[in-house]
Amino acid sequence: MKNELQYLSRFVKERRKQARLTQKMLASKAVVGLRFLRDLEQGKSSLKMDKVNVVLKLFGHELGPVPLNRDSLIDKEEG
């Protein structure tokens, strides 16, 4: 799960920079708090999905289920 959070936070930060937006500007456009956006870009694990989707929609994306690698799950259960 940590890798997914890192991917999400990196995705938002990179897209924000490509759009030449500051964190404050993006937070304003998405109508979310600046602290929320900072937490999102830092990979905080307890963010509200609806707010994450508001930010992602500005970049034409949304959260969704992602298939897991079953082999890695089995290895973790046995180890």
Protein backbone atom coordinates (compact mmCIF):
# COMPACT_ATOMS: atom_id res chain seq x y z
CA MET A 1 0.00 0.00 0.00
CA LYS A 2 2.91 2.33 0.65
CA ASN A 3 3.94 2.15 -3.02
CA GLU A 4 0.44 3.13 -4.14
CA LEU A 5 0.47 6.15 -1.82
CA GLN A 6 3.88 7.18 -3.13
CA TYR A 7 2.63 6.84 -6.70
CA LEU A 8 -0.48 8.92 -5.96
CA SER A 9 1.42 11.65 -4.17
CA ARG A 10 4.08 11.80 -6.90
CA PHE A 11 1.38 11.85 -9.60
CA VAL A 12 -0.43 14.83 -8.06
CA LYS A 13 2.78 16.76 -7.42
CA GLU A 14 4.09 16.18 -10.96
CA ARG A 15 0.78 17.13 -12.57
CA ARG A 16 0.56 20.26 -10.42
CA LYS A 17 4.04 21.31 -11.47
CA GLN A 18 3.34 20.57 -15.14
CA ALA A 19 0.30 22.85 -14.87
CA ARG A 20 2.58 25.47 -13.27
CA LEU A 21 0.42 25.69 -10.18
CA THR A 22 1.55 26.26 -6.63
CA GLN A 23 0.03 24.13 -3.89
CA LYS A 24 -2.04 27.13 -2.85
CA MET A 25 -3.34 27.66 -6.39
CA LEU A 26 -4.28 23.99 -6.83
CA ALA A 27 -5.98 23.85 -3.44
CA SER A 28 -8.01 26.90 -4.42
CA LYS A 29 -9.00 25.46 -7.82
CA ALA A 30 -10.01 22.14 -6.23
CA VAL A 31 -11.74 23.88 -3.30
CA VAL A 32 -9.78 21.85 -0.75
CA GLY A 33 -7.61 23.08 2.07
CA LEU A 34 -3.94 23.77 1.57
CA ARG A 35 -3.11 21.40 4.42
CA PHE A 36 -5.10 18.62 2.70
CA LEU A 37 -3.18 19.13 -0.53
CA ARG A 38 0.14 19.10 1.31
CA ASP A 39 -0.85 15.87 3.07
CA LEU A 40 -1.83 14.37 -0.28
CA GLU A 41 1.50 15.27 -1.87
CA GLN A 42 3.34 13.86 1.15
CA GLY A 43 1.55 10.50 0.90
CA LYS A 44 -0.55 10.65 4.05
CA SER A 45 -2.51 7.42 4.31
CA SER A 46 -5.69 8.67 5.96
CA LEU A 47 -7.12 11.07 3.38
CA LYS A 48 -10.77 11.19 2.34
CA MET A 49 -11.25 9.58 -1.05
CA ASP A 50 -13.87 12.09 -2.16
CA LYS A 51 -11.44 14.97 -1.64
CA VAL A 52 -8.65 13.09 -3.41
CA ASN A 53 -11.01 12.59 -6.35
CA VAL A 54 -11.80 16.32 -6.46
CA VAL A 55 -8.09 17.03 -6.94
CA LEU A 56 -7.60 14.19 -9.43
CA LYS A 57 -10.58 15.31 -11.54
CA LEU A 58 -8.74 18.52 -12.33
CA PHE A 59 -6.18 16.33 -14.11
CA GLY A 60 -8.76 14.06 -15.75
CA HIS A 61 -8.34 11.13 -13.36
CA GLU A 62 -10.08 9.44 -10.43
CA LEU A 63 -9.34 6.79 -7.84
CA GLY A 64 -10.27 3.21 -8.63
CA PRO A 65 -9.55 -0.39 -7.74
CA VAL A 66 -6.17 -1.65 -8.83
CA PRO A 67 -5.36 -5.36 -9.10
CA LEU A 68 -2.84 -6.64 -6.58
CA ASN A 69 0.04 -8.97 -7.30
CA ARG A 70 -1.26 -12.19 -5.74
CA ASP A 71 2.23 -13.72 -5.56
CA SER A 72 3.50 -10.96 -3.30
CA LEU A 73 0.46 -11.38 -1.02
CA ILE A 74 1.05 -15.11 -0.67
CA ASP A 75 4.73 -14.55 0.10
CA LYS A 76 3.87 -12.06 2.86
CA GLU A 77 1.35 -14.43 4.46
CA GLU A 78 3.86 -17.27 4.58
CA GLY A 79 6.79 -15.12 5.76
